[in-house]
PDB file of N, CA and C in Angstrom:
ATOM      1  N   MET A   1       0.548  14.914   8.000  1.00  0.00           N
ATOM      2  CA  MET A   1       0.271  15.312   6.638  1.00  0.00           C
ATOM      3  C   MET A   1      -0.340  14.136   5.881  1.00  0.00           C
ATOM      4  N   ALA A   2      -0.584  14.344   4.633  1.00  0.00           N
ATOM      5  CA  ALA A   2      -1.137  13.294   3.781  1.00  0.00           C
ATOM      6  C   ALA A   2      -0.425  13.304   2.438  1.00  0.00           C
ATOM      7  N   TYR A   3      -0.608  12.236   1.734  1.00  0.00           N
ATOM      8  CA  TYR A   3      -0.042  12.089   0.392  1.00  0.00           C
ATOM      9  C   TYR A   3      -0.523  13.223  -0.502  1.00  0.00           C
ATOM     10  N   GLU A   4       0.398  13.788  -1.276  1.00  0.00           N
ATOM     11  CA  GLU A   4       0.055  14.827  -2.234  1.00  0.00           C
ATOM     12  C   GLU A   4       0.598  14.441  -3.602  1.00  0.00           C
ATOM     13  N   SER A   5      -0.148  14.737  -4.637  1.00  0.00           N
ATOM     14  CA  SER A   5       0.270  14.361  -5.989  1.00  0.00           C
ATOM     15  C   SER A   5       1.552  15.079  -6.420  1.00  0.00           C
ATOM     16  N   SER A   6       1.940  16.132  -5.711  1.00  0.00           N
ATOM     17  CA  SER A   6       3.194  16.807  -6.035  1.00  0.00           C
ATOM     18  C   SER A   6       4.409  15.952  -5.639  1.00  0.00           C
ATOM     19  N   ASN A   7       4.187  14.947  -4.803  1.00  0.00           N
ATOM     20  CA  ASN A   7       5.210  13.965  -4.422  1.00  0.00           C
ATOM     21  C   ASN A   7       4.605  12.590  -4.710  1.00  0.00           C
ATOM     22  N   PRO A   8       4.549  12.200  -5.975  1.00  0.00           N
ATOM     23  CA  PRO A   8       3.754  11.029  -6.354  1.00  0.00           C
ATOM     24  C   PRO A   8       4.392   9.683  -6.005  1.00  0.00           C
ATOM     25  N   LEU A   9       3.528   8.686  -5.906  1.00  0.00           N
ATOM     26  CA  LEU A   9       3.981   7.301  -5.865  1.00  0.00           C
ATOM     27  C   LEU A   9       4.666   7.014  -7.194  1.00  0.00           C
ATOM     28  N   LYS A  10       5.699   6.196  -7.165  1.00  0.00           N
ATOM     29  CA  LYS A  10       6.385   5.821  -8.405  1.00  0.00           C
ATOM     30  C   LYS A  10       6.235   4.317  -8.592  1.00  0.00           C
ATOM     31  N   LYS A  11       5.595   3.917  -9.690  1.00  0.00           N
ATOM     32  CA  LYS A  11       5.416   2.491  -9.951  1.00  0.00           C
ATOM     33  C   LYS A  11       6.744   1.911 -10.405  1.00  0.00           C
ATOM     34  N   ILE A  12       7.200   0.866  -9.705  1.00  0.00           N
ATOM     35  CA  ILE A  12       8.476   0.254 -10.071  1.00  0.00           C
ATOM     36  C   ILE A  12       8.298  -1.136 -10.668  1.00  0.00           C
ATOM     37  N   ALA A  13       7.107  -1.711 -10.536  1.00  0.00           N
ATOM     38  CA  ALA A  13       6.824  -3.001 -11.172  1.00  0.00           C
ATOM     39  C   ALA A  13       5.321  -3.137 -11.347  1.00  0.00           C
ATOM     40  N   GLN A  14       4.924  -3.627 -12.512  1.00  0.00           N
ATOM     41  CA  GLN A  14       3.514  -3.839 -12.796  1.00  0.00           C
ATOM     42  C   GLN A  14       3.256  -5.325 -12.807  1.00  0.00           C
ATOM     43  N   GLY A  15       2.296  -5.735 -11.996  1.00  0.00           N
ATOM     44  CA  GLY A  15       2.015  -7.150 -11.848  1.00  0.00           C
ATOM     45  C   GLY A  15       0.943  -7.679 -12.768  1.00  0.00           C
ATOM     46  N   GLY A  16       0.518  -6.925 -13.758  1.00  0.00           N
ATOM     47  CA  GLY A  16      -0.552  -7.392 -14.641  1.00  0.00           C
ATOM     48  C   GLY A  16      -1.823  -7.587 -13.846  1.00  0.00           C
ATOM     49  N   ALA A  17      -2.284  -8.827 -13.748  1.00  0.00           N
ATOM     50  CA  ALA A  17      -3.487  -9.127 -12.978  1.00  0.00           C
ATOM     51  C   ALA A  17      -3.183  -9.213 -11.488  1.00  0.00           C
ATOM     52  N   GLY A  18      -1.895  -9.172 -11.129  1.00  0.00           N
ATOM     53  CA  GLY A  18      -1.496  -9.283  -9.729  1.00  0.00           C
ATOM     54  C   GLY A  18      -1.200  -7.940  -9.111  1.00  0.00           C
ATOM     55  N   ASN A  19      -0.305  -7.969  -8.167  1.00  0.00           N
ATOM     56  CA  ASN A  19       0.045  -6.771  -7.419  1.00  0.00           C
ATOM     57  C   ASN A  19       0.981  -5.861  -8.211  1.00  0.00           C
ATOM     58  N   ASN A  20       0.812  -4.559  -8.023  1.00  0.00           N
ATOM     59  CA  ASN A  20       1.788  -3.589  -8.483  1.00  0.00           C
ATOM     60  C   ASN A  20       2.693  -3.260  -7.309  1.00  0.00           C
ATOM     61  N   ILE A  21       3.927  -2.861  -7.602  1.00  0.00           N
ATOM     62  CA  ILE A  21       4.853  -2.451  -6.560  1.00  0.00           C
ATOM     63  C   ILE A  21       5.182  -0.983  -6.784  1.00  0.00           C
ATOM     64  N   TRP A  22       5.053  -0.209  -5.720  1.00  0.00           N
ATOM     65  CA  TRP A  22       5.256   1.228  -5.767  1.00  0.00           C
ATOM     66  C   TRP A  22       6.401   1.620  -4.846  1.00  0.00           C
ATOM     67  N   PHE A  23       7.034   2.774  -5.122  1.00  0.00           N
ATOM     68  CA  PHE A  23       8.019   3.367  -4.230  1.00  0.00           C
ATOM     69  C   PHE A  23       7.488   4.719  -3.790  1.00  0.00           C
ATOM     70  N   TYR A  24       7.640   5.016  -2.489  1.00  0.00           N
ATOM     71  CA  TYR A  24       7.200   6.309  -1.970  1.00  0.00           C
ATOM     72  C   TYR A  24       8.189   6.785  -0.919  1.00  0.00           C
ATOM     73  N   SER A  25       8.566   8.052  -0.976  1.00  0.00           N
ATOM     74  CA  SER A  25       9.472   8.647  -0.009  1.00  0.00           C
ATOM     75  C   SER A  25       8.915   9.989   0.445  1.00  0.00           C
ATOM     76  N   ASP A  26       8.957  10.226   1.771  1.00  0.00           N
ATOM     77  CA  ASP A  26       8.426  11.469   2.308  1.00  0.00           C
ATOM     78  C   ASP A  26       9.105  11.766   3.637  1.00  0.00           C
ATOM     79  N   ASP A  27       8.991  12.990   4.115  1.00  0.00           N
ATOM     80  CA  ASP A  27       9.549  13.369   5.415  1.00  0.00           C
ATOM     81  C   ASP A  27       8.638  12.971   6.569  1.00  0.00           C
ATOM     82  N   ASP A  28       7.433  12.474   6.292  1.00  0.00           N
ATOM     83  CA  ASP A  28       6.541  11.999   7.350  1.00  0.00           C
ATOM     84  C   ASP A  28       7.088  10.704   7.944  1.00  0.00           C
ATOM     85  N   THR A  29       6.650  10.375   9.155  1.00  0.00           N
ATOM     86  CA  THR A  29       7.053   9.118   9.770  1.00  0.00           C
ATOM     87  C   THR A  29       6.315   7.961   9.104  1.00  0.00           C
ATOM     88  N   ILE A  30       6.864   6.778   9.206  1.00  0.00           N
ATOM     89  CA  ILE A  30       6.186   5.585   8.672  1.00  0.00           C
ATOM     90  C   ILE A  30       4.830   5.423   9.350  1.00  0.00           C
ATOM     91  N   THR A  31       4.768   5.711  10.634  1.00  0.00           N
ATOM     92  CA  THR A  31       3.493   5.607  11.365  1.00  0.00           C
ATOM     93  C   THR A  31       2.436   6.501  10.739  1.00  0.00           C
ATOM     94  N   ALA A  32       2.808   7.725  10.395  1.00  0.00           N
ATOM     95  CA  ALA A  32       1.864   8.646   9.750  1.00  0.00           C
ATOM     96  C   ALA A  32       1.480   8.156   8.365  1.00  0.00           C
ATOM     97  N   ILE A  33       2.469   7.683   7.612  1.00  0.00           N
ATOM     98  CA  ILE A  33       2.215   7.230   6.242  1.00  0.00           C
ATOM     99  C   ILE A  33       1.313   5.996   6.234  1.00  0.00           C
ATOM    100  N   ALA A  34       1.445   5.143   7.233  1.00  0.00           N
ATOM    101  CA  ALA A  34       0.645   3.910   7.293  1.00  0.00           C
ATOM    102  C   ALA A  34      -0.763   4.142   7.841  1.00  0.00           C
ATOM    103  N   THR A  35      -1.106   5.374   8.144  1.00  0.00           N
ATOM    104  CA  THR A  35      -2.433   5.703   8.658  1.00  0.00           C
ATOM    105  C   THR A  35      -3.492   5.571   7.571  1.00  0.00           C
ATOM    106  N   SER A  36      -4.640   5.019   7.941  1.00  0.00           N
ATOM    107  CA  SER A  36      -5.756   4.898   7.005  1.00  0.00           C
ATOM    108  C   SER A  36      -6.099   6.260   6.430  1.00  0.00           C
ATOM    109  N   GLY A  37      -6.208   6.338   5.126  1.00  0.00           N
ATOM    110  CA  GLY A  37      -6.575   7.570   4.464  1.00  0.00           C
ATOM    111  C   GLY A  37      -5.400   8.395   3.966  1.00  0.00           C
ATOM    112  N   TYR A  38      -4.168   8.065   4.369  1.00  0.00           N
ATOM    113  CA  TYR A  38      -3.007   8.845   3.952  1.00  0.00           C
ATOM    114  C   TYR A  38      -2.913   8.910   2.424  1.00  0.00           C
ATOM    115  N   PHE A  39      -3.185   7.799   1.747  1.00  0.00           N
ATOM    116  CA  PHE A  39      -3.055   7.726   0.288  1.00  0.00           C
ATOM    117  C   PHE A  39      -4.385   7.937  -0.448  1.00  0.00           C
ATOM    118  N   ASN A  40      -5.361   8.558   0.200  1.00  0.00           N
ATOM    119  CA  ASN A  40      -6.667   8.755  -0.448  1.00  0.00           C
ATOM    120  C   ASN A  40      -6.555   9.458  -1.802  1.00  0.00           C
ATOM    121  N   SER A  41      -5.637  10.389  -1.941  1.00  0.00           N
ATOM    122  CA  SER A  41      -5.488  11.106  -3.211  1.00  0.00           C
ATOM    123  C   SER A  41      -4.969  10.213  -4.328  1.00  0.00           C
ATOM    124  N   ALA A  42      -4.475   9.025  -3.969  1.00  0.00           N
ATOM    125  CA  ALA A  42      -3.948   8.080  -4.968  1.00  0.00           C
ATOM    126  C   ALA A  42      -4.924   6.936  -5.227  1.00  0.00           C
ATOM    127  N   TYR A  43      -6.188   7.101  -4.847  1.00  0.00           N
ATOM    128  CA  TYR A  43      -7.144   5.998  -4.955  1.00  0.00           C
ATOM    129  C   TYR A  43      -7.334   5.503  -6.389  1.00  0.00           C
ATOM    130  N   LYS A  44      -7.063   6.339  -7.381  1.00  0.00           N
ATOM    131  CA  LYS A  44      -7.204   5.900  -8.770  1.00  0.00           C
ATOM    132  C   LYS A  44      -5.995   5.104  -9.247  1.00  0.00           C
ATOM    133  N   GLU A  45      -4.894   5.185  -8.515  1.00  0.00           N
ATOM    134  CA  GLU A  45      -3.662   4.511  -8.923  1.00  0.00           C
ATOM    135  C   GLU A  45      -3.485   3.154  -8.251  1.00  0.00           C
ATOM    136  N   VAL A  46      -3.701   3.111  -6.947  1.00  0.00           N
ATOM    137  CA  VAL A  46      -3.435   1.874  -6.205  1.00  0.00           C
ATOM    138  C   VAL A  46      -4.674   0.996  -6.133  1.00  0.00           C
ATOM    139  N   ARG A  47      -4.411  -0.288  -5.913  1.00  0.00           N
ATOM    140  CA  ARG A  47      -5.530  -1.214  -5.729  1.00  0.00           C
ATOM    141  C   ARG A  47      -5.175  -2.181  -4.603  1.00  0.00           C
ATOM    142  N   GLU A  48      -6.179  -2.854  -4.120  1.00  0.00           N
ATOM    143  CA  GLU A  48      -5.999  -3.784  -3.021  1.00  0.00           C
ATOM    144  C   GLU A  48      -4.892  -4.785  -3.340  1.00  0.00           C
ATOM    145  N   ASN A  49      -4.049  -5.064  -2.361  1.00  0.00           N
ATOM    146  CA  ASN A  49      -2.907  -5.983  -2.421  1.00  0.00           C
ATOM    147  C   ASN A  49      -1.685  -5.419  -3.134  1.00  0.00           C
ATOM    148  N   ASP A  50      -1.720  -4.167  -3.582  1.00  0.00           N
ATOM    149  CA  ASP A  50      -0.504  -3.532  -4.078  1.00  0.00           C
ATOM    150  C   ASP A  50       0.473  -3.374  -2.918  1.00  0.00           C
ATOM    151  N   ILE A  51       1.755  -3.303  -3.241  1.00  0.00           N
ATOM    152  CA  ILE A  51       2.809  -3.168  -2.248  1.00  0.00           C
ATOM    153  C   ILE A  51       3.477  -1.811  -2.440  1.00  0.00           C
ATOM    154  N   ILE A  52       3.717  -1.115  -1.327  1.00  0.00           N
ATOM    155  CA  ILE A  52       4.392   0.182  -1.366  1.00  0.00           C
ATOM    156  C   ILE A  52       5.670   0.078  -0.554  1.00  0.00           C
ATOM    157  N   LEU A  53       6.819   0.211  -1.228  1.00  0.00           N
ATOM    158  CA  LEU A  53       8.099   0.312  -0.538  1.00  0.00           C
ATOM    159  C   LEU A  53       8.219   1.765  -0.092  1.00  0.00           C
ATOM    160  N   CYS A  54       8.331   1.971   1.189  1.00  0.00           N
ATOM    161  CA  CYS A  54       8.165   3.307   1.740  1.00  0.00           C
ATOM    162  C   CYS A  54       9.385   3.751   2.535  1.00  0.00           C
ATOM    163  N   VAL A  55       9.856   4.967   2.266  1.00  0.00           N
ATOM    164  CA  VAL A  55      10.919   5.584   3.042  1.00  0.00           C
ATOM    165  C   VAL A  55      10.307   6.786   3.758  1.00  0.00           C
ATOM    166  N   GLY A  56      10.399   6.772   5.073  1.00  0.00           N
ATOM    167  CA  GLY A  56       9.895   7.870   5.882  1.00  0.00           C
ATOM    168  C   GLY A  56      11.031   8.501   6.652  1.00  0.00           C
ATOM    169  N   SER A  57      10.693   9.336   7.621  1.00  0.00           N
ATOM    170  CA  SER A  57      11.701  10.010   8.420  1.00  0.00           C
ATOM    171  C   SER A  57      11.308   9.948   9.885  1.00  0.00           C
ATOM    172  N   ASN A  58      12.287   9.775  10.738  1.00  0.00           N
ATOM    173  CA  ASN A  58      12.043   9.763  12.172  1.00  0.00           C
ATOM    174  C   ASN A  58      13.164  10.562  12.831  1.00  0.00           C
ATOM    175  N   GLY A  59      12.869  11.785  13.218  1.00  0.00           N
ATOM    176  CA  GLY A  59      13.870  12.635  13.837  1.00  0.00           C
ATOM    177  C   GLY A  59      15.046  12.938  12.933  1.00  0.00           C
ATOM    178  N   GLY A  60      14.809  13.017  11.647  1.00  0.00           N
ATOM    179  CA  GLY A  60      15.860  13.314  10.690  1.00  0.00           C
ATOM    180  C   GLY A  60      16.541  12.088  10.109  1.00  0.00           C
ATOM    181  N   SER A  61      16.265  10.914  10.665  1.00  0.00           N
ATOM    182  CA  SER A  61      16.830   9.666  10.139  1.00  0.00           C
ATOM    183  C   SER A  61      15.811   8.976   9.251  1.00  0.00           C
ATOM    184  N   GLN A  62      16.276   8.466   8.121  1.00  0.00           N
ATOM    185  CA  GLN A  62      15.366   7.764   7.227  1.00  0.00           C
ATOM    186  C   GLN A  62      15.039   6.382   7.776  1.00  0.00           C
ATOM    187  N   THR A  63      13.782   5.987   7.602  1.00  0.00           N
ATOM    188  CA  THR A  63      13.316   4.661   7.971  1.00  0.00           C
ATOM    189  C   THR A  63      12.662   4.029   6.758  1.00  0.00           C
ATOM    190  N   VAL A  64      12.671   2.719   6.686  1.00  0.00           N
ATOM    191  CA  VAL A  64      12.132   2.002   5.530  1.00  0.00           C
ATOM    192  C   VAL A  64      11.131   0.965   6.007  1.00  0.00           C
ATOM    193  N   ASP A  65      10.052   0.806   5.268  1.00  0.00           N
ATOM    194  CA  ASP A  65       9.064  -0.219   5.586  1.00  0.00           C
ATOM    195  C   ASP A  65       8.335  -0.629   4.312  1.00  0.00           C
ATOM    196  N   ILE A  66       7.614  -1.707   4.416  1.00  0.00           N
ATOM    197  CA  ILE A  66       6.784  -2.209   3.324  1.00  0.00           C
ATOM    198  C   ILE A  66       5.331  -2.085   3.754  1.00  0.00           C
ATOM    199  N   LEU A  67       4.526  -1.439   2.925  1.00  0.00           N
ATOM    200  CA  LEU A  67       3.102  -1.291   3.195  1.00  0.00           C
ATOM    201  C   LEU A  67       2.319  -2.099   2.175  1.00  0.00           C
ATOM    202  N   VAL A  68       1.195  -2.648   2.593  1.00  0.00           N
ATOM    203  CA  VAL A  68       0.313  -3.387   1.702  1.00  0.00           C
ATOM    204  C   VAL A  68      -1.025  -2.670   1.679  1.00  0.00           C
ATOM    205  N   VAL A  69      -1.539  -2.382   0.486  1.00  0.00           N
ATOM    206  CA  VAL A  69      -2.856  -1.756   0.362  1.00  0.00           C
ATOM    207  C   VAL A  69      -3.893  -2.815   0.712  1.00  0.00           C
ATOM    208  N   THR A  70      -4.620  -2.585   1.787  1.00  0.00           N
ATOM    209  CA  THR A  70      -5.596  -3.574   2.255  1.00  0.00           C
ATOM    210  C   THR A  70      -7.014  -3.272   1.808  1.00  0.00           C
ATOM    211  N   SER A  71      -7.265  -2.029   1.417  1.00  0.00           N
ATOM    212  CA  SER A  71      -8.623  -1.684   1.012  1.00  0.00           C
ATOM    213  C   SER A  71      -8.625  -0.398   0.209  1.00  0.00           C
ATOM    214  N   THR A  72      -9.487  -0.351  -0.769  1.00  0.00           N
ATOM    215  CA  THR A  72      -9.777   0.886  -1.489  1.00  0.00           C
ATOM    216  C   THR A  72     -11.284   1.071  -1.526  1.00  0.00           C
ATOM    217  N   THR A  73     -11.923   0.806  -0.391  1.00  0.00           N
ATOM    218  CA  THR A  73     -13.374   0.844  -0.292  1.00  0.00           C
ATOM    219  C   THR A  73     -13.938   2.205  -0.629  1.00  0.00           C
ATOM    220  N   GLY A  74     -15.138   2.210  -1.158  1.00  0.00           N
ATOM    221  CA  GLY A  74     -15.815   3.444  -1.492  1.00  0.00           C
ATOM    222  C   GLY A  74     -15.133   4.217  -2.595  1.00  0.00           C
ATOM    223  N   ALA A  75     -14.169   3.586  -3.245  1.00  0.00           N
ATOM    224  CA  ALA A  75     -13.447   4.162  -4.374  1.00  0.00           C
ATOM    225  C   ALA A  75     -12.611   5.379  -4.008  1.00  0.00           C
ATOM    226  N   THR A  76     -12.669   5.840  -2.749  1.00  0.00           N
ATOM    227  CA  THR A  76     -11.858   7.004  -2.391  1.00  0.00           C
ATOM    228  C   THR A  76     -11.051   6.814  -1.118  1.00  0.00           C
ATOM    229  N   THR A  77     -11.360   5.849  -0.274  1.00  0.00           N
ATOM    230  CA  THR A  77     -10.609   5.634   0.953  1.00  0.00           C
ATOM    231  C   THR A  77      -9.590   4.527   0.747  1.00  0.00           C
ATOM    232  N   VAL A  78      -8.330   4.860   0.945  1.00  0.00           N
ATOM    233  CA  VAL A  78      -7.253   3.890   0.784  1.00  0.00           C
ATOM    234  C   VAL A  78      -6.723   3.536   2.168  1.00  0.00           C
ATOM    235  N   THR A  79      -6.685   2.245   2.474  1.00  0.00           N
ATOM    236  CA  THR A  79      -6.170   1.765   3.749  1.00  0.00           C
ATOM    237  C   THR A  79      -4.958   0.892   3.470  1.00  0.00           C
ATOM    238  N   VAL A  80      -3.896   1.081   4.254  1.00  0.00           N
ATOM    239  CA  VAL A  80      -2.694   0.273   4.133  1.00  0.00           C
ATOM    240  C   VAL A  80      -2.391  -0.343   5.487  1.00  0.00           C
ATOM    241  N   THR A  81      -1.580  -1.390   5.468  1.00  0.00           N
ATOM    242  CA  THR A  81      -1.101  -1.979   6.707  1.00  0.00           C
ATOM    243  C   THR A  81       0.406  -2.106   6.626  1.00  0.00           C
ATOM    244  N   ASN A  82       1.020  -2.028   7.774  1.00  0.00           N
ATOM    245  CA  ASN A  82       2.462  -2.176   7.861  1.00  0.00           C
ATOM    246  C   ASN A  82       2.793  -3.619   7.579  1.00  0.00           C
ATOM    247  N   GLY A  83       3.575  -3.874   6.546  1.00  0.00           N
ATOM    248  CA  GLY A  83       3.815  -5.234   6.093  1.00  0.00           C
ATOM    249  C   GLY A  83       5.039  -5.914   6.668  1.00  0.00           C
ATOM    250  N   SER A  84       5.787  -5.221   7.528  1.00  0.00           N
ATOM    251  CA  SER A  84       7.007  -5.843   8.036  1.00  0.00           C
ATOM    252  C   SER A  84       6.738  -6.645   9.293  1.00  0.00           C
TER     253      SER A  84
END
């Protein structure tokens, strides 16, 4: 699946000129969430070097990871990397 605005990112800290920190929780696996393009619908919200604290699911168990927005190229493609 992909990010949907019906389950939005929640900004938990604003870094001013620096990084913003977001929280995101979904039933998708962290691997799926960390896929390039997963957050394309949020391209107007996130920017390069923002941090996403992410809770995913793996076989019914919650997993946690930190993602870093590595690119928002073309103004619509959002790429993240697994930050742990």
